[in-house]
Every structure is written in C-alpha cells, then in structure tokens.
N, C-alpha and C. Protein backbone atom coordinates (compact mmCIF):
# COMPACT_ATOMS: atom_id res chain seq x y z
N UNK A 1 107.33 87.95 79.21
CA UNK A 1 106.74 88.53 78.03
C UNK A 1 106.88 87.58 76.84
N UNK A 2 108.05 86.95 76.73
CA UNK A 2 108.25 86.03 75.61
C UNK A 2 107.32 84.82 75.72
N UNK A 3 107.06 84.36 76.95
CA UNK A 3 106.17 83.21 77.13
C UNK A 3 104.76 83.56 76.66
N UNK A 4 104.33 84.78 76.93
CA UNK A 4 103.00 85.20 76.50
C UNK A 4 102.87 85.27 74.99
N UNK A 5 103.93 85.67 74.32
CA UNK A 5 103.89 85.73 72.86
C UNK A 5 103.80 84.34 72.26
N UNK A 6 104.52 83.38 72.85
CA UNK A 6 104.48 82.01 72.34
C UNK A 6 103.10 81.39 72.55
N UNK A 7 102.44 81.74 73.66
CA UNK A 7 101.10 81.21 73.94
C UNK A 7 100.01 81.91 73.13
N UNK A 8 100.35 83.06 72.52
CA UNK A 8 99.35 83.77 71.73
C UNK A 8 98.59 84.82 72.53
N UNK A 9 99.06 85.15 73.73
CA UNK A 9 98.40 86.18 74.53
C UNK A 9 98.83 87.56 74.06
N UNK A 10 97.89 88.48 74.06
CA UNK A 10 98.20 89.87 73.72
C UNK A 10 97.77 90.73 74.90
N UNK A 11 98.70 91.52 75.43
CA UNK A 11 98.39 92.40 76.54
C UNK A 11 97.79 93.71 76.01
N UNK A 12 96.63 94.06 76.54
CA UNK A 12 95.97 95.28 76.09
C UNK A 12 95.53 96.09 77.29
N UNK A 13 95.50 97.41 77.15
CA UNK A 13 95.03 98.24 78.26
C UNK A 13 93.53 98.10 78.45
N UNK A 14 93.09 98.27 79.68
CA UNK A 14 91.67 98.22 79.99
C UNK A 14 91.12 99.63 79.85
N UNK A 15 90.18 99.81 78.95
CA UNK A 15 89.61 101.13 78.68
C UNK A 15 88.18 101.15 79.19
N UNK A 16 87.87 102.16 80.02
CA UNK A 16 86.52 102.32 80.55
C UNK A 16 85.73 103.23 79.62
N UNK A 17 84.59 102.77 79.15
CA UNK A 17 83.74 103.58 78.28
C UNK A 17 82.61 104.17 79.12
N UNK A 18 82.48 105.48 79.06
CA UNK A 18 81.42 106.16 79.79
C UNK A 18 80.13 106.06 78.99
N UNK A 19 79.10 105.47 79.60
CA UNK A 19 77.82 105.31 78.91
C UNK A 19 77.02 106.60 78.99
N UNK A 20 77.01 107.23 80.15
CA UNK A 20 76.30 108.49 80.29
C UNK A 20 76.99 109.36 81.33
N UNK A 21 76.78 110.66 81.20
CA UNK A 21 77.36 111.61 82.13
C UNK A 21 76.23 112.38 82.78
N UNK A 22 76.31 112.52 84.10
CA UNK A 22 75.27 113.27 84.79
C UNK A 22 75.88 114.43 85.55
N UNK A 23 75.15 115.54 85.59
CA UNK A 23 75.55 116.73 86.33
C UNK A 23 74.43 117.04 87.31
N UNK A 24 74.77 117.04 88.59
CA UNK A 24 73.79 117.29 89.66
C UNK A 24 72.58 116.36 89.56
N UNK A 25 72.83 115.11 89.23
CA UNK A 25 71.75 114.13 89.17
C UNK A 25 70.95 114.16 87.88
N UNK A 26 71.24 115.06 86.96
CA UNK A 26 70.53 115.16 85.69
C UNK A 26 71.44 114.66 84.57
N UNK A 27 70.94 113.75 83.74
CA UNK A 27 71.75 113.21 82.65
C UNK A 27 72.00 114.29 81.61
N UNK A 28 73.27 114.48 81.27
CA UNK A 28 73.65 115.54 80.33
C UNK A 28 74.14 114.98 78.99
N UNK A 29 74.59 113.73 78.95
CA UNK A 29 75.17 113.20 77.72
C UNK A 29 75.09 111.67 77.74
N UNK A 30 74.76 111.08 76.60
CA UNK A 30 74.77 109.63 76.40
C UNK A 30 75.83 109.28 75.37
N UNK A 31 76.39 108.09 75.48
CA UNK A 31 77.33 107.61 74.47
C UNK A 31 76.59 107.20 73.20
N UNK A 32 75.37 106.72 73.34
CA UNK A 32 74.56 106.34 72.20
C UNK A 32 74.07 107.61 71.50
N UNK A 33 74.37 107.75 70.19
CA UNK A 33 74.06 108.99 69.49
C UNK A 33 72.55 109.23 69.36
N UNK A 34 71.74 108.18 69.31
CA UNK A 34 70.29 108.36 69.18
C UNK A 34 69.69 108.82 70.51
N UNK A 35 70.17 108.21 71.60
CA UNK A 35 69.71 108.67 72.92
C UNK A 35 70.16 110.10 73.18
N UNK A 36 71.37 110.44 72.73
CA UNK A 36 71.88 111.78 72.90
C UNK A 36 71.05 112.80 72.12
N UNK A 37 70.63 112.41 70.91
CA UNK A 37 69.78 113.29 70.10
C UNK A 37 68.43 113.52 70.79
N UNK A 38 67.82 112.45 71.31
CA UNK A 38 66.55 112.59 72.02
C UNK A 38 66.71 113.44 73.28
N UNK A 39 67.84 113.29 73.96
CA UNK A 39 68.10 114.09 75.15
C UNK A 39 68.24 115.57 74.80
N UNK A 40 68.89 115.88 73.64
CA UNK A 40 69.01 117.27 73.21
C UNK A 40 67.65 117.86 72.86
N UNK A 41 66.79 117.06 72.24
CA UNK A 41 65.44 117.53 71.92
C UNK A 41 64.66 117.79 73.21
N UNK A 42 64.80 116.89 74.18
CA UNK A 42 64.12 117.07 75.47
C UNK A 42 64.61 118.35 76.16
N UNK A 43 65.94 118.58 76.13
CA UNK A 43 66.50 119.76 76.79
C UNK A 43 66.12 121.05 76.08
N UNK A 44 65.75 120.95 74.79
CA UNK A 44 65.30 122.13 74.07
C UNK A 44 63.97 122.63 74.64
N UNK A 45 63.10 121.69 75.03
CA UNK A 45 61.79 122.06 75.55
C UNK A 45 61.78 122.16 77.08
N UNK A 46 62.50 121.29 77.75
CA UNK A 46 62.52 121.27 79.23
C UNK A 46 63.96 121.48 79.67
N UNK A 47 64.24 122.64 80.24
CA UNK A 47 65.61 122.93 80.68
C UNK A 47 65.89 122.21 82.00
N UNK A 48 67.03 121.49 82.09
CA UNK A 48 67.39 120.82 83.35
C UNK A 48 67.85 121.84 84.39
N UNK A 49 67.95 121.40 85.62
CA UNK A 49 68.31 122.29 86.74
C UNK A 49 69.68 122.93 86.54
N UNK A 50 70.64 122.17 86.05
CA UNK A 50 71.99 122.72 85.92
C UNK A 50 72.07 123.79 84.84
N UNK A 51 71.15 123.79 83.87
CA UNK A 51 71.12 124.85 82.87
C UNK A 51 70.32 126.06 83.34
N UNK A 52 69.32 125.83 84.20
CA UNK A 52 68.51 126.94 84.71
C UNK A 52 69.35 127.87 85.57
N UNK A 53 70.34 127.33 86.29
CA UNK A 53 71.19 128.14 87.17
C UNK A 53 72.47 128.60 86.49
N UNK A 54 72.65 128.34 85.20
CA UNK A 54 73.91 128.67 84.52
C UNK A 54 74.16 130.16 84.46
N UNK A 55 73.11 130.98 84.42
CA UNK A 55 73.29 132.42 84.31
C UNK A 55 73.98 133.01 85.55
N UNK A 56 73.91 132.31 86.67
CA UNK A 56 74.54 132.79 87.90
C UNK A 56 76.07 132.81 87.75
N UNK A 57 76.61 131.82 87.02
CA UNK A 57 78.06 131.65 86.94
C UNK A 57 78.70 132.28 85.71
N UNK A 58 77.92 132.82 84.78
CA UNK A 58 78.51 133.33 83.54
C UNK A 58 79.27 134.63 83.75
N UNK A 59 78.87 135.47 84.70
CA UNK A 59 79.52 136.76 84.90
C UNK A 59 80.39 136.79 86.15
N UNK A 60 80.71 135.63 86.68
CA UNK A 60 81.53 135.56 87.88
C UNK A 60 82.98 135.87 87.53
N UNK A 61 83.62 136.74 88.30
CA UNK A 61 85.01 137.14 88.06
C UNK A 61 85.94 136.08 88.64
N UNK A 62 86.92 135.66 87.84
CA UNK A 62 87.88 134.65 88.26
C UNK A 62 89.16 135.35 88.68
N UNK A 63 89.68 134.98 89.84
CA UNK A 63 90.92 135.55 90.34
C UNK A 63 92.10 134.78 89.74
N UNK A 64 92.87 135.39 88.83
CA UNK A 64 93.96 134.65 88.17
C UNK A 64 95.12 134.30 89.09
N UNK A 65 95.24 134.94 90.24
CA UNK A 65 96.35 134.63 91.14
C UNK A 65 96.19 133.27 91.81
N UNK A 66 94.98 132.70 91.76
CA UNK A 66 94.74 131.39 92.36
C UNK A 66 95.19 130.24 91.45
N UNK A 67 95.53 130.53 90.20
CA UNK A 67 95.88 129.49 89.23
C UNK A 67 97.32 129.64 88.79
N UNK A 68 97.97 128.51 88.50
CA UNK A 68 99.36 128.50 88.03
C UNK A 68 99.46 127.66 86.77
N UNK A 69 100.52 127.84 86.03
CA UNK A 69 100.77 127.06 84.82
C UNK A 69 101.41 125.74 85.23
N UNK A 70 100.90 124.64 84.69
CA UNK A 70 101.42 123.31 85.01
C UNK A 70 102.10 122.76 83.77
N UNK A 71 103.35 122.34 83.91
CA UNK A 71 104.08 121.71 82.81
C UNK A 71 103.72 120.24 82.77
N UNK A 72 103.38 119.74 81.58
CA UNK A 72 102.97 118.35 81.46
C UNK A 72 104.04 117.47 80.82
N UNK A 73 105.23 118.01 80.61
CA UNK A 73 106.30 117.18 80.06
C UNK A 73 106.82 116.24 81.14
N UNK A 74 107.21 115.06 80.76
CA UNK A 74 107.61 114.04 81.71
C UNK A 74 108.86 114.36 82.52
N UNK A 75 109.85 115.01 81.91
CA UNK A 75 111.12 115.27 82.60
C UNK A 75 110.95 116.20 83.78
N UNK A 76 110.21 117.27 83.64
CA UNK A 76 110.05 118.24 84.71
C UNK A 76 109.22 117.67 85.86
N UNK A 77 108.25 116.82 85.54
CA UNK A 77 107.43 116.21 86.60
C UNK A 77 108.24 115.22 87.43
N UNK A 78 109.20 114.53 86.82
CA UNK A 78 110.02 113.57 87.55
C UNK A 78 110.94 114.27 88.54
N UNK A 79 111.39 115.47 88.18
CA UNK A 79 112.28 116.23 89.06
C UNK A 79 111.55 116.69 90.31
N UNK A 80 110.27 117.02 90.19
CA UNK A 80 109.50 117.53 91.30
C UNK A 80 109.15 116.45 92.32
N UNK A 81 109.10 115.21 91.91
CA UNK A 81 108.67 114.13 92.82
C UNK A 81 109.83 113.45 93.42
C-alpha cells in the first residue's frame, strides 16, 4: 500500500452504471434523463406488456408466514456463517 502511495496510484472501487433497465424485454428506465422523459411520454400513450398485466398482481394475497425478518448488522451475520 505504501508503494502505491509513493507512485501516485489511488485505489478506487469499480462501480457499474446501469444505462437502462428492462422488464420482460421492454425497456422501463434509462439513465439519460431526456431518454427517460421520452420513454415516459411513449408509455403514456402506448402501455408496455408489463403494465398491461399489472392489474393481475395488485390484489394478490401475500402469505406472511413465507417471509422472515433479516438482520443486516455485521456482527449477527458473522455469527451465522
């Protein structure tokens, strides 16, 4: 680490930027705000497939016994592994 500082190297994390997000093959979101605005205007007039079927899932009953609370603190996760 000290050698890298003397050479002028800076270690940085590699961050992946998502350019667009698609749901069932249909683009739902762009990182570019102008493309995203045009996509919202398009979706106002032409509903994509994933929005046309959304009414099927809105009234679906969720069984709470299938889900548990997960602790995200570091100490408790280390004990479990």
